[in-house]
Amino acid sequence: MNGENIIKIFVADAHLIFLSGIRNYFKDSNEIEVVGEAETIKDLMEKLSKCSPDLLLTNHNLRFSDASEFLPEIKKDYPDLKILMHTMFCKKEGLLKYIDYIDGFLCKSASGDLLITAIRSVAKGKNYYVFS
């Protein structure tokens, strides 16, 4: 796969160990590249414009903020950015709260293969919603 086909993702999560794990999981991938990461909405908004990701992989909470605070702002500033919510709050109610802002929803307990499938689907413009 050449560099043009690589899906560039930005990862936003309040947990450093999760950020590190995702970065390491995709470090040797020829298909998915982590181009940025953030723990806070401030870092997220500052870094997004610098790395032009195809997809934002985000938890429903960042440090000091809830997705209901930052998702509307992201969709306003980056309307073409695909958003995949990756969370431990895996109930349908979680999706419904953010449905106007996200393109996909996946539980963190899902397998790595399912995460890759979700990223591929959402990056191609297809909605992808999986609950526990």
N, C-alpha and C. Protein backbone atom coordinates (compact mmCIF):
# COMPACT_ATOMS: atom_id res chain seq x y z
N MET A 1 0.84 -1.18 0.00
CA MET A 1 0.00 0.00 0.00
C MET A 1 0.89 1.24 0.00
N ASN A 2 0.60 2.20 -0.87
CA ASN A 2 1.44 3.39 -0.90
C ASN A 2 0.96 4.42 0.10
N GLY A 3 1.74 5.49 0.30
CA GLY A 3 1.45 6.50 1.30
C GLY A 3 0.13 7.22 1.09
N GLU A 4 -0.36 7.25 -0.16
CA GLU A 4 -1.61 7.94 -0.45
C GLU A 4 -2.81 7.22 0.16
N ASN A 5 -2.70 5.94 0.38
CA ASN A 5 -3.83 5.15 0.88
C ASN A 5 -3.81 4.98 2.39
N ILE A 6 -2.87 5.57 3.06
CA ILE A 6 -2.79 5.44 4.51
C ILE A 6 -3.88 6.29 5.16
N ILE A 7 -4.59 5.70 6.10
CA ILE A 7 -5.61 6.42 6.86
C ILE A 7 -4.90 7.09 8.03
N LYS A 8 -4.96 8.42 8.06
CA LYS A 8 -4.32 9.18 9.13
C LYS A 8 -5.34 9.42 10.24
N ILE A 9 -5.01 8.91 11.44
CA ILE A 9 -5.92 9.08 12.57
C ILE A 9 -5.30 9.94 13.66
N PHE A 10 -6.15 10.66 14.34
CA PHE A 10 -5.80 11.43 15.52
C PHE A 10 -6.52 10.77 16.68
N VAL A 11 -5.82 10.52 17.77
CA VAL A 11 -6.40 9.82 18.92
C VAL A 11 -6.54 10.79 20.09
N ALA A 12 -7.75 10.88 20.64
CA ALA A 12 -8.01 11.74 21.79
C ALA A 12 -8.59 10.90 22.91
N ASP A 13 -7.91 10.91 24.04
CA ASP A 13 -8.34 10.11 25.20
C ASP A 13 -7.67 10.67 26.44
N ALA A 14 -8.35 10.62 27.56
CA ALA A 14 -7.81 11.14 28.82
C ALA A 14 -6.77 10.22 29.44
N HIS A 15 -6.65 8.99 28.96
CA HIS A 15 -5.76 8.01 29.57
C HIS A 15 -4.49 7.82 28.74
N LEU A 16 -3.38 8.20 29.31
CA LEU A 16 -2.09 8.11 28.61
C LEU A 16 -1.75 6.70 28.19
N ILE A 17 -2.08 5.72 28.99
CA ILE A 17 -1.77 4.33 28.66
C ILE A 17 -2.55 3.89 27.42
N PHE A 18 -3.77 4.37 27.27
CA PHE A 18 -4.55 4.06 26.07
C PHE A 18 -3.93 4.72 24.84
N LEU A 19 -3.55 5.99 24.96
CA LEU A 19 -2.90 6.68 23.84
C LEU A 19 -1.64 5.94 23.40
N SER A 20 -0.85 5.55 24.37
CA SER A 20 0.38 4.80 24.09
C SER A 20 0.07 3.46 23.42
N GLY A 21 -0.94 2.78 23.92
CA GLY A 21 -1.32 1.49 23.37
C GLY A 21 -1.78 1.58 21.92
N ILE A 22 -2.58 2.58 21.60
CA ILE A 22 -3.05 2.76 20.22
C ILE A 22 -1.86 3.11 19.31
N ARG A 23 -1.01 4.02 19.77
CA ARG A 23 0.17 4.39 18.98
C ARG A 23 1.02 3.16 18.69
N ASN A 24 1.26 2.35 19.70
CA ASN A 24 2.07 1.15 19.52
C ASN A 24 1.37 0.11 18.65
N TYR A 25 0.07 -0.01 18.78
CA TYR A 25 -0.69 -0.99 18.00
C TYR A 25 -0.56 -0.73 16.50
N PHE A 26 -0.54 0.55 16.12
CA PHE A 26 -0.49 0.90 14.70
C PHE A 26 0.90 1.30 14.21
N LYS A 27 1.93 1.21 15.05
CA LYS A 27 3.25 1.73 14.66
C LYS A 27 3.84 1.04 13.43
N ASP A 28 3.53 -0.21 13.19
CA ASP A 28 4.08 -0.92 12.04
C ASP A 28 3.05 -1.11 10.93
N SER A 29 1.91 -0.44 11.04
CA SER A 29 0.85 -0.59 10.06
C SER A 29 1.20 0.11 8.75
N ASN A 30 0.87 -0.53 7.65
CA ASN A 30 1.03 0.08 6.33
C ASN A 30 -0.27 0.74 5.89
N GLU A 31 -1.27 0.68 6.75
CA GLU A 31 -2.61 1.16 6.39
C GLU A 31 -3.11 2.30 7.27
N ILE A 32 -2.72 2.30 8.54
CA ILE A 32 -3.23 3.29 9.49
C ILE A 32 -2.05 3.93 10.21
N GLU A 33 -2.05 5.27 10.23
CA GLU A 33 -0.97 6.01 10.87
C GLU A 33 -1.56 6.96 11.91
N VAL A 34 -1.02 6.91 13.12
CA VAL A 34 -1.42 7.86 14.17
C VAL A 34 -0.61 9.13 13.95
N VAL A 35 -1.31 10.22 13.59
CA VAL A 35 -0.62 11.47 13.27
C VAL A 35 -0.68 12.49 14.40
N GLY A 36 -1.44 12.17 15.45
CA GLY A 36 -1.53 13.08 16.58
C GLY A 36 -2.32 12.46 17.71
N GLU A 37 -2.13 13.04 18.88
CA GLU A 37 -2.87 12.57 20.04
C GLU A 37 -3.02 13.71 21.04
N ALA A 38 -4.09 13.62 21.85
CA ALA A 38 -4.36 14.66 22.84
C ALA A 38 -5.13 14.06 24.01
N GLU A 39 -4.90 14.67 25.18
CA GLU A 39 -5.62 14.30 26.40
C GLU A 39 -6.69 15.30 26.76
N THR A 40 -6.55 16.53 26.26
CA THR A 40 -7.47 17.61 26.61
C THR A 40 -8.05 18.23 25.34
N ILE A 41 -9.17 18.92 25.49
CA ILE A 41 -9.77 19.60 24.35
C ILE A 41 -8.86 20.70 23.83
N LYS A 42 -8.15 21.37 24.72
CA LYS A 42 -7.23 22.43 24.30
C LYS A 42 -6.15 21.85 23.39
N ASP A 43 -5.52 20.75 23.81
CA ASP A 43 -4.50 20.10 22.98
C ASP A 43 -5.09 19.61 21.66
N LEU A 44 -6.28 19.03 21.75
CA LEU A 44 -6.94 18.51 20.56
C LEU A 44 -7.16 19.62 19.53
N MET A 45 -7.72 20.73 19.93
CA MET A 45 -8.01 21.82 19.01
C MET A 45 -6.73 22.45 18.46
N GLU A 46 -5.70 22.55 19.27
CA GLU A 46 -4.43 23.12 18.81
C GLU A 46 -3.73 22.20 17.79
N LYS A 47 -3.79 20.90 18.02
CA LYS A 47 -3.05 19.96 17.19
C LYS A 47 -3.78 19.51 15.93
N LEU A 48 -5.10 19.52 15.94
CA LEU A 48 -5.87 19.03 14.79
C LEU A 48 -5.49 19.77 13.50
N SER A 49 -5.39 21.07 13.58
CA SER A 49 -5.11 21.85 12.37
C SER A 49 -3.71 21.61 11.81
N LYS A 50 -2.82 21.13 12.64
CA LYS A 50 -1.43 20.93 12.22
C LYS A 50 -1.18 19.60 11.53
N CYS A 51 -2.07 18.63 11.72
CA CYS A 51 -1.76 17.29 11.19
C CYS A 51 -2.78 16.76 10.18
N SER A 52 -3.86 17.43 9.96
CA SER A 52 -4.86 17.08 8.95
C SER A 52 -5.22 15.60 8.91
N PRO A 53 -5.77 15.06 9.99
CA PRO A 53 -6.13 13.64 9.99
C PRO A 53 -7.38 13.37 9.14
N ASP A 54 -7.54 12.12 8.77
CA ASP A 54 -8.75 11.68 8.08
C ASP A 54 -9.84 11.35 9.08
N LEU A 55 -9.42 10.93 10.27
CA LEU A 55 -10.35 10.40 11.25
C LEU A 55 -9.90 10.74 12.66
N LEU A 56 -10.86 11.09 13.51
CA LEU A 56 -10.61 11.30 14.93
C LEU A 56 -11.16 10.11 15.69
N LEU A 57 -10.28 9.42 16.40
CA LEU A 57 -10.67 8.32 17.28
C LEU A 57 -10.70 8.91 18.69
N THR A 58 -11.88 9.03 19.27
CA THR A 58 -11.99 9.74 20.55
C THR A 58 -12.84 8.99 21.56
N ASN A 59 -12.50 9.19 22.80
CA ASN A 59 -13.30 8.71 23.91
C ASN A 59 -14.44 9.73 24.12
N HIS A 60 -15.43 9.38 24.91
CA HIS A 60 -16.51 10.33 25.19
C HIS A 60 -16.11 11.37 26.23
N ASN A 61 -14.98 11.15 26.89
CA ASN A 61 -14.44 12.12 27.84
C ASN A 61 -12.97 12.37 27.54
N LEU A 62 -12.59 13.63 27.60
CA LEU A 62 -11.18 13.99 27.61
C LEU A 62 -10.93 14.58 28.99
N ARG A 63 -9.68 14.82 29.28
CA ARG A 63 -9.37 15.39 30.59
C ARG A 63 -10.08 16.75 30.72
N PHE A 64 -10.93 16.88 31.71
CA PHE A 64 -11.66 18.10 32.06
C PHE A 64 -12.82 18.45 31.11
N SER A 65 -13.23 17.53 30.23
CA SER A 65 -14.36 17.87 29.35
C SER A 65 -15.06 16.62 28.83
N ASP A 66 -16.31 16.79 28.50
CA ASP A 66 -17.17 15.75 27.97
C ASP A 66 -17.33 15.98 26.46
N ALA A 67 -17.58 14.92 25.73
CA ALA A 67 -17.72 15.02 24.27
C ALA A 67 -18.83 15.97 23.86
N SER A 68 -19.86 16.12 24.68
CA SER A 68 -20.93 17.06 24.33
C SER A 68 -20.41 18.50 24.28
N GLU A 69 -19.27 18.75 24.92
CA GLU A 69 -18.64 20.07 24.88
C GLU A 69 -17.75 20.23 23.65
N PHE A 70 -16.98 19.20 23.29
CA PHE A 70 -16.01 19.38 22.21
C PHE A 70 -16.45 18.88 20.84
N LEU A 71 -17.35 17.92 20.76
CA LEU A 71 -17.75 17.42 19.44
C LEU A 71 -18.44 18.48 18.57
N PRO A 72 -19.36 19.28 19.11
CA PRO A 72 -19.96 20.33 18.26
C PRO A 72 -18.92 21.30 17.70
N GLU A 73 -17.95 21.65 18.52
CA GLU A 73 -16.90 22.57 18.08
C GLU A 73 -16.04 21.93 16.98
N ILE A 74 -15.71 20.67 17.14
CA ILE A 74 -14.91 19.98 16.13
C ILE A 74 -15.67 19.88 14.82
N LYS A 75 -16.93 19.49 14.87
CA LYS A 75 -17.73 19.37 13.64
C LYS A 75 -17.92 20.72 12.96
N LYS A 76 -18.00 21.79 13.74
CA LYS A 76 -18.12 23.13 13.16
C LYS A 76 -16.82 23.53 12.47
N ASP A 77 -15.68 23.29 13.11
CA ASP A 77 -14.39 23.69 12.56
C ASP A 77 -13.85 22.73 11.51
N TYR A 78 -14.23 21.45 11.61
CA TYR A 78 -13.72 20.40 10.71
C TYR A 78 -14.89 19.54 10.22
N PRO A 79 -15.77 20.09 9.41
CA PRO A 79 -16.99 19.35 9.02
C PRO A 79 -16.72 18.06 8.24
N ASP A 80 -15.59 17.94 7.59
CA ASP A 80 -15.29 16.74 6.81
C ASP A 80 -14.53 15.68 7.60
N LEU A 81 -14.11 16.01 8.81
CA LEU A 81 -13.37 15.06 9.64
C LEU A 81 -14.32 13.96 10.12
N LYS A 82 -13.94 12.72 9.88
CA LYS A 82 -14.73 11.58 10.35
C LYS A 82 -14.41 11.34 11.82
N ILE A 83 -15.44 11.01 12.60
CA ILE A 83 -15.25 10.81 14.04
C ILE A 83 -15.76 9.43 14.44
N LEU A 84 -14.87 8.66 15.05
CA LEU A 84 -15.18 7.34 15.59
C LEU A 84 -15.05 7.43 17.11
N MET A 85 -16.16 7.28 17.82
CA MET A 85 -16.12 7.28 19.28
C MET A 85 -15.76 5.87 19.75
N HIS A 86 -14.76 5.80 20.60
CA HIS A 86 -14.22 4.53 21.10
C HIS A 86 -14.24 4.65 22.62
N THR A 87 -15.17 3.95 23.27
CA THR A 87 -15.44 4.23 24.67
C THR A 87 -15.77 2.96 25.46
N MET A 88 -15.70 3.06 26.77
CA MET A 88 -16.14 1.96 27.64
C MET A 88 -17.64 2.06 27.94
N PHE A 89 -18.25 3.21 27.64
CA PHE A 89 -19.68 3.40 27.83
C PHE A 89 -20.37 2.88 26.57
N CYS A 90 -20.63 1.59 26.52
CA CYS A 90 -20.99 0.88 25.29
C CYS A 90 -22.48 0.64 25.11
N LYS A 91 -23.29 1.44 25.69
CA LYS A 91 -24.73 1.28 25.56
C LYS A 91 -25.28 2.22 24.49
N LYS A 92 -26.41 1.87 23.96
CA LYS A 92 -27.02 2.66 22.89
C LYS A 92 -27.25 4.11 23.32
N GLU A 93 -27.54 4.33 24.61
CA GLU A 93 -27.74 5.69 25.10
C GLU A 93 -26.51 6.56 24.85
N GLY A 94 -25.33 5.95 24.93
CA GLY A 94 -24.09 6.68 24.68
C GLY A 94 -24.03 7.19 23.25
N LEU A 95 -24.41 6.34 22.34
CA LEU A 95 -24.43 6.75 20.93
C LEU A 95 -25.46 7.85 20.70
N LEU A 96 -26.65 7.67 21.21
CA LEU A 96 -27.73 8.62 20.94
C LEU A 96 -27.39 10.02 21.41
N LYS A 97 -26.64 10.12 22.47
CA LYS A 97 -26.24 11.43 23.00
C LYS A 97 -25.35 12.19 22.01
N TYR A 98 -24.59 11.45 21.20
CA TYR A 98 -23.60 12.08 20.31
C TYR A 98 -23.87 11.83 18.82
N ILE A 99 -24.99 11.23 18.48
CA ILE A 99 -25.27 10.77 17.12
C ILE A 99 -25.12 11.87 16.06
N ASP A 100 -25.40 13.10 16.40
CA ASP A 100 -25.30 14.19 15.42
C ASP A 100 -23.86 14.55 15.08
N TYR A 101 -22.91 14.04 15.84
CA TYR A 101 -21.51 14.45 15.66
C TYR A 101 -20.56 13.32 15.28
N ILE A 102 -21.00 12.07 15.43
CA ILE A 102 -20.07 10.96 15.19
C ILE A 102 -20.49 10.13 13.99
N ASP A 103 -19.50 9.48 13.40
CA ASP A 103 -19.72 8.63 12.23
C ASP A 103 -19.62 7.16 12.59
N GLY A 104 -19.11 6.88 13.78
CA GLY A 104 -18.98 5.51 14.23
C GLY A 104 -18.90 5.44 15.74
N PHE A 105 -19.20 4.26 16.27
CA PHE A 105 -19.24 4.05 17.72
C PHE A 105 -18.79 2.62 17.99
N LEU A 106 -17.77 2.46 18.84
CA LEU A 106 -17.22 1.15 19.12
C LEU A 106 -16.78 1.08 20.58
N CYS A 107 -17.05 -0.04 21.20
CA CYS A 107 -16.64 -0.26 22.58
C CYS A 107 -15.14 -0.55 22.65
N LYS A 108 -14.48 -0.05 23.66
CA LYS A 108 -13.05 -0.30 23.84
C LYS A 108 -12.74 -1.77 24.10
N SER A 109 -13.71 -2.54 24.49
CA SER A 109 -13.46 -3.97 24.71
C SER A 109 -13.47 -4.77 23.40
N ALA A 110 -13.75 -4.12 22.28
CA ALA A 110 -13.75 -4.78 20.98
C ALA A 110 -12.33 -5.21 20.61
N SER A 111 -12.24 -6.17 19.73
CA SER A 111 -10.93 -6.67 19.29
C SER A 111 -10.23 -5.64 18.42
N GLY A 112 -8.93 -5.81 18.28
CA GLY A 112 -8.15 -4.95 17.39
C GLY A 112 -8.62 -5.05 15.96
N ASP A 113 -9.01 -6.24 15.53
CA ASP A 113 -9.52 -6.43 14.17
C ASP A 113 -10.81 -5.64 13.96
N LEU A 114 -11.67 -5.62 14.97
CA LEU A 114 -12.91 -4.86 14.86
C LEU A 114 -12.62 -3.35 14.83
N LEU A 115 -11.64 -2.90 15.59
CA LEU A 115 -11.23 -1.49 15.56
C LEU A 115 -10.75 -1.12 14.16
N ILE A 116 -9.94 -1.97 13.56
CA ILE A 116 -9.44 -1.70 12.21
C ILE A 116 -10.61 -1.65 11.22
N THR A 117 -11.54 -2.58 11.34
CA THR A 117 -12.72 -2.58 10.47
C THR A 117 -13.51 -1.28 10.63
N ALA A 118 -13.69 -0.84 11.87
CA ALA A 118 -14.42 0.40 12.14
C ALA A 118 -13.69 1.60 11.53
N ILE A 119 -12.38 1.67 11.71
CA ILE A 119 -11.60 2.77 11.15
C ILE A 119 -11.71 2.78 9.63
N ARG A 120 -11.55 1.63 9.01
CA ARG A 120 -11.67 1.55 7.54
C ARG A 120 -13.04 2.04 7.07
N SER A 121 -14.08 1.54 7.72
CA SER A 121 -15.45 1.89 7.31
C SER A 121 -15.72 3.38 7.46
N VAL A 122 -15.41 3.92 8.62
CA VAL A 122 -15.68 5.33 8.88
C VAL A 122 -14.82 6.21 7.96
N ALA A 123 -13.57 5.85 7.75
CA ALA A 123 -12.70 6.63 6.87
C ALA A 123 -13.24 6.67 5.43
N LYS A 124 -13.93 5.61 5.03
CA LYS A 124 -14.53 5.54 3.68
C LYS A 124 -15.88 6.24 3.61
N GLY A 125 -16.33 6.80 4.72
CA GLY A 125 -17.59 7.53 4.72
C GLY A 125 -18.80 6.70 5.09
N LYS A 126 -18.57 5.50 5.58
CA LYS A 126 -19.68 4.65 6.00
C LYS A 126 -19.85 4.74 7.52
N ASN A 127 -21.09 4.82 7.97
CA ASN A 127 -21.33 4.80 9.41
C ASN A 127 -21.08 3.40 9.94
N TYR A 128 -20.56 3.32 11.17
CA TYR A 128 -20.23 2.04 11.77
C TYR A 128 -20.53 2.13 13.27
N TYR A 129 -21.58 1.42 13.71
CA TYR A 129 -21.99 1.49 15.11
C TYR A 129 -22.08 0.07 15.67
N VAL A 130 -21.29 -0.22 16.72
CA VAL A 130 -21.31 -1.53 17.37
C VAL A 130 -21.40 -1.29 18.87
N PHE A 131 -22.35 -1.98 19.52
CA PHE A 131 -22.54 -1.87 20.96
C PHE A 131 -22.16 -3.18 21.62
N SER A 132 -22.02 -3.13 22.95
CA SER A 132 -21.72 -4.36 23.69
C SER A 132 -22.94 -5.23 23.79
